[in-house]
């Protein structure tokens, strides 16, 4: 994904396992975690801000 130019990763689930692995590979990658209703709402605001 890094070679493909991906700049943001959205992880959905109960824990931040993938986010931790990705952060170890590329510290400046933008990581968004969605684990509950509040974080889902925040994610929507982040990507749908006009």
PDB file of N, CA and C in Angstrom:
ATOM      1  N   UNK A   1       0.823  -1.188   0.000  1.00  0.00           N
ATOM      2  CA  UNK A   1       0.000   0.000   0.000  1.00  0.00           C
ATOM      3  C   UNK A   1       0.868   1.253   0.000  1.00  0.00           C
ATOM      4  N   UNK A   2       1.965   1.189   0.709  1.00  0.00           N
ATOM      5  CA  UNK A   2       2.853   2.347   0.766  1.00  0.00           C
ATOM      6  C   UNK A   2       3.368   2.676  -0.628  1.00  0.00           C
ATOM      7  N   UNK A   3       3.786   1.672  -1.366  1.00  0.00           N
ATOM      8  CA  UNK A   3       4.285   1.882  -2.737  1.00  0.00           C
ATOM      9  C   UNK A   3       3.202   2.385  -3.675  1.00  0.00           C
ATOM     10  N   UNK A   4       1.944   2.075  -3.356  1.00  0.00           N
ATOM     11  CA  UNK A   4       0.822   2.509  -4.195  1.00  0.00           C
ATOM     12  C   UNK A   4       0.416   3.954  -3.898  1.00  0.00           C
ATOM     13  N   UNK A   5       1.013   4.561  -2.880  1.00  0.00           N
ATOM     14  CA  UNK A   5       0.717   5.949  -2.559  1.00  0.00           C
ATOM     15  C   UNK A   5      -0.404   6.142  -1.551  1.00  0.00           C
ATOM     16  N   UNK A   6      -0.794   5.073  -0.863  1.00  0.00           N
ATOM     17  CA  UNK A   6      -1.841   5.197   0.155  1.00  0.00           C
ATOM     18  C   UNK A   6      -1.328   6.093   1.266  1.00  0.00           C
ATOM     19  N   UNK A   7      -2.132   7.083   1.662  1.00  0.00           N
ATOM     20  CA  UNK A   7      -1.731   8.028   2.698  1.00  0.00           C
ATOM     21  C   UNK A   7      -2.540   7.878   3.981  1.00  0.00           C
ATOM     22  N   UNK A   8      -3.731   7.260   3.883  1.00  0.00           N
ATOM     23  CA  UNK A   8      -4.615   7.123   5.031  1.00  0.00           C
ATOM     24  C   UNK A   8      -5.133   5.697   5.115  1.00  0.00           C
ATOM     25  N   UNK A   9      -5.114   5.146   6.319  1.00  0.00           N
ATOM     26  CA  UNK A   9      -5.646   3.809   6.580  1.00  0.00           C
ATOM     27  C   UNK A   9      -6.772   3.949   7.596  1.00  0.00           C
ATOM     28  N   UNK A  10      -7.908   3.327   7.313  1.00  0.00           N
ATOM     29  CA  UNK A  10      -9.021   3.295   8.261  1.00  0.00           C
ATOM     30  C   UNK A  10      -9.145   1.862   8.751  1.00  0.00           C
ATOM     31  N   UNK A  11      -8.972   1.677  10.053  1.00  0.00           N
ATOM     32  CA  UNK A  11      -9.096   0.351  10.661  1.00  0.00           C
ATOM     33  C   UNK A  11     -10.421   0.289  11.412  1.00  0.00           C
ATOM     34  N   UNK A  12     -11.208  -0.727  11.121  1.00  0.00           N
ATOM     35  CA  UNK A  12     -12.508  -0.898  11.763  1.00  0.00           C
ATOM     36  C   UNK A  12     -12.477  -2.203  12.551  1.00  0.00           C
ATOM     37  N   UNK A  13     -12.787  -2.129  13.826  1.00  0.00           N
ATOM     38  CA  UNK A  13     -12.789  -3.332  14.651  1.00  0.00           C
ATOM     39  C   UNK A  13     -12.614  -2.985  16.113  1.00  0.00           C
ATOM     40  N   UNK A  14     -12.561  -4.006  16.951  1.00  0.00           N
ATOM     41  CA  UNK A  14     -12.501  -3.765  18.391  1.00  0.00           C
ATOM     42  C   UNK A  14     -11.120  -3.369  18.918  1.00  0.00           C
ATOM     43  N   UNK A  15     -10.059  -3.633  18.161  1.00  0.00           N
ATOM     44  CA  UNK A  15      -8.700  -3.338  18.624  1.00  0.00           C
ATOM     45  C   UNK A  15      -7.899  -2.664  17.524  1.00  0.00           C
ATOM     46  N   UNK A  16      -6.756  -2.115  17.880  1.00  0.00           N
ATOM     47  CA  UNK A  16      -5.905  -1.375  16.938  1.00  0.00           C
ATOM     48  C   UNK A  16      -4.692  -2.183  16.487  1.00  0.00           C
ATOM     49  N   UNK A  17      -4.883  -3.418  16.143  1.00  0.00           N
ATOM     50  CA  UNK A  17      -3.764  -4.291  15.777  1.00  0.00           C
ATOM     51  C   UNK A  17      -3.107  -3.825  14.479  1.00  0.00           C
ATOM     52  N   UNK A  18      -3.876  -3.630  13.438  1.00  0.00           N
ATOM     53  CA  UNK A  18      -3.303  -3.224  12.150  1.00  0.00           C
ATOM     54  C   UNK A  18      -2.669  -1.843  12.227  1.00  0.00           C
ATOM     55  N   UNK A  19      -3.294  -0.944  12.959  1.00  0.00           N
ATOM     56  CA  UNK A  19      -2.733   0.402  13.112  1.00  0.00           C
ATOM     57  C   UNK A  19      -1.336   0.337  13.717  1.00  0.00           C
ATOM     58  N   UNK A  20      -1.157  -0.515  14.723  1.00  0.00           N
ATOM     59  CA  UNK A  20       0.149  -0.667  15.346  1.00  0.00           C
ATOM     60  C   UNK A  20       1.181  -1.225  14.390  1.00  0.00           C
ATOM     61  N   UNK A  21       0.799  -2.213  13.615  1.00  0.00           N
ATOM     62  CA  UNK A  21       1.730  -2.801  12.647  1.00  0.00           C
ATOM     63  C   UNK A  21       2.123  -1.788  11.578  1.00  0.00           C
ATOM     64  N   UNK A  22       1.152  -1.052  11.096  1.00  0.00           N
ATOM     65  CA  UNK A  22       1.427  -0.059  10.048  1.00  0.00           C
ATOM     66  C   UNK A  22       2.307   1.054  10.598  1.00  0.00           C
ATOM     67  N   UNK A  23       2.034   1.499  11.819  1.00  0.00           N
ATOM     68  CA  UNK A  23       2.830   2.582  12.412  1.00  0.00           C
ATOM     69  C   UNK A  23       4.299   2.147  12.552  1.00  0.00           C
ATOM     70  N   UNK A  24       4.537   0.868  12.793  1.00  0.00           N
ATOM     71  CA  UNK A  24       5.915   0.374  12.881  1.00  0.00           C
ATOM     72  C   UNK A  24       6.624   0.452  11.534  1.00  0.00           C
ATOM     73  N   UNK A  25       5.884   0.330  10.433  1.00  0.00           N
ATOM     74  CA  UNK A  25       6.479   0.373   9.100  1.00  0.00           C
ATOM     75  C   UNK A  25       6.616   1.790   8.564  1.00  0.00           C
ATOM     76  N   UNK A  26       5.617   2.628   8.835  1.00  0.00           N
ATOM     77  CA  UNK A  26       5.610   3.978   8.271  1.00  0.00           C
ATOM     78  C   UNK A  26       4.997   4.927   9.288  1.00  0.00           C
ATOM     79  N   UNK A  27       5.840   5.620  10.003  1.00  0.00           N
ATOM     80  CA  UNK A  27       5.403   6.439  11.129  1.00  0.00           C
ATOM     81  C   UNK A  27       4.560   7.642  10.721  1.00  0.00           C
ATOM     82  N   UNK A  28       4.696   8.123   9.488  1.00  0.00           N
ATOM     83  CA  UNK A  28       3.940   9.301   9.076  1.00  0.00           C
ATOM     84  C   UNK A  28       2.628   8.957   8.357  1.00  0.00           C
ATOM     85  N   UNK A  29       2.257   7.682   8.338  1.00  0.00           N
ATOM     86  CA  UNK A  29       0.987   7.271   7.741  1.00  0.00           C
ATOM     87  C   UNK A  29      -0.164   7.782   8.600  1.00  0.00           C
ATOM     88  N   UNK A  30      -1.195   8.305   7.955  1.00  0.00           N
ATOM     89  CA  UNK A  30      -2.382   8.775   8.672  1.00  0.00           C
ATOM     90  C   UNK A  30      -3.261   7.562   8.978  1.00  0.00           C
ATOM     91  N   UNK A  31      -3.493   7.300  10.276  1.00  0.00           N
ATOM     92  CA  UNK A  31      -4.271   6.150  10.707  1.00  0.00           C
ATOM     93  C   UNK A  31      -5.535   6.619  11.407  1.00  0.00           C
ATOM     94  N   UNK A  32      -6.660   6.065  10.987  1.00  0.00           N
ATOM     95  CA  UNK A  32      -7.948   6.395  11.595  1.00  0.00           C
ATOM     96  C   UNK A  32      -8.538   5.096  12.119  1.00  0.00           C
ATOM     97  N   UNK A  33      -8.889   5.079  13.403  1.00  0.00           N
ATOM     98  CA  UNK A  33      -9.439   3.883  14.026  1.00  0.00           C
ATOM     99  C   UNK A  33     -10.927   4.078  14.295  1.00  0.00           C
ATOM    100  N   UNK A  34     -11.730   3.081  13.909  1.00  0.00           N
ATOM    101  CA  UNK A  34     -13.167   3.088  14.176  1.00  0.00           C
ATOM    102  C   UNK A  34     -13.479   1.836  14.989  1.00  0.00           C
ATOM    103  N   UNK A  35     -13.842   2.053  16.265  1.00  0.00           N
ATOM    104  CA  UNK A  35     -14.117   0.921  17.135  1.00  0.00           C
ATOM    105  C   UNK A  35     -15.448   1.005  17.850  1.00  0.00           C
ATOM    106  N   UNK A  36     -16.115   2.163  17.709  1.00  0.00           N
ATOM    107  CA  UNK A  36     -17.421   2.336  18.354  1.00  0.00           C
ATOM    108  C   UNK A  36     -18.191   3.437  17.612  1.00  0.00           C
ATOM    109  N   UNK A  37     -19.394   3.711  18.072  1.00  0.00           N
ATOM    110  CA  UNK A  37     -20.257   4.677  17.385  1.00  0.00           C
ATOM    111  C   UNK A  37     -19.644   6.075  17.360  1.00  0.00           C
ATOM    112  N   UNK A  38     -19.010   6.472  18.452  1.00  0.00           N
ATOM    113  CA  UNK A  38     -18.415   7.810  18.521  1.00  0.00           C
ATOM    114  C   UNK A  38     -17.257   7.957  17.536  1.00  0.00           C
ATOM    115  N   UNK A  39     -16.391   6.957  17.477  1.00  0.00           N
ATOM    116  CA  UNK A  39     -15.268   7.030  16.543  1.00  0.00           C
ATOM    117  C   UNK A  39     -15.736   6.927  15.091  1.00  0.00           C
ATOM    118  N   UNK A  40     -16.826   6.202  14.847  1.00  0.00           N
ATOM    119  CA  UNK A  40     -17.403   6.151  13.504  1.00  0.00           C
ATOM    120  C   UNK A  40     -17.912   7.526  13.094  1.00  0.00           C
ATOM    121  N   UNK A  41     -18.568   8.212  14.010  1.00  0.00           N
ATOM    122  CA  UNK A  41     -19.062   9.557  13.739  1.00  0.00           C
ATOM    123  C   UNK A  41     -17.893  10.502  13.457  1.00  0.00           C
ATOM    124  N   UNK A  42     -16.830  10.416  14.249  1.00  0.00           N
ATOM    125  CA  UNK A  42     -15.656  11.258  14.040  1.00  0.00           C
ATOM    126  C   UNK A  42     -14.996  10.969  12.687  1.00  0.00           C
ATOM    127  N   UNK A  43     -14.963   9.714  12.313  1.00  0.00           N
ATOM    128  CA  UNK A  43     -14.379   9.334  11.016  1.00  0.00           C
ATOM    129  C   UNK A  43     -15.209   9.940   9.877  1.00  0.00           C
ATOM    130  N   UNK A  44     -16.524   9.854  10.004  1.00  0.00           N
ATOM    131  CA  UNK A  44     -17.396  10.442   8.995  1.00  0.00           C
ATOM    132  C   UNK A  44     -17.183  11.930   8.871  1.00  0.00           C
ATOM    133  N   UNK A  45     -17.034  12.615   9.981  1.00  0.00           N
ATOM    134  CA  UNK A  45     -16.776  14.060   9.965  1.00  0.00           C
ATOM    135  C   UNK A  45     -15.430  14.373   9.320  1.00  0.00           C
ATOM    136  N   UNK A  46     -14.433  13.538   9.577  1.00  0.00           N
ATOM    137  CA  UNK A  46     -13.112  13.742   9.030  1.00  0.00           C
ATOM    138  C   UNK A  46     -13.111  13.659   7.506  1.00  0.00           C
ATOM    139  N   UNK A  47     -13.805  12.657   6.961  1.00  0.00           N
ATOM    140  CA  UNK A  47     -13.762  12.426   5.523  1.00  0.00           C
ATOM    141  C   UNK A  47     -14.860  13.163   4.754  1.00  0.00           C
ATOM    142  N   UNK A  48     -15.869  13.642   5.447  1.00  0.00           N
ATOM    143  CA  UNK A  48     -16.981  14.310   4.768  1.00  0.00           C
ATOM    144  C   UNK A  48     -17.016  15.800   5.070  1.00  0.00           C
ATOM    145  N   UNK A  49     -15.953  16.334   5.650  1.00  0.00           N
ATOM    146  CA  UNK A  49     -15.906  17.768   5.963  1.00  0.00           C
ATOM    147  C   UNK A  49     -15.871  18.574   4.666  1.00  0.00           C
ATOM    148  N   UNK A  50     -16.713  19.568   4.622  1.00  0.00           N
ATOM    149  CA  UNK A  50     -16.759  20.399   3.404  1.00  0.00           C
ATOM    150  C   UNK A  50     -16.279  21.791   3.678  1.00  0.00           C
TER     151      UNK A  50
END
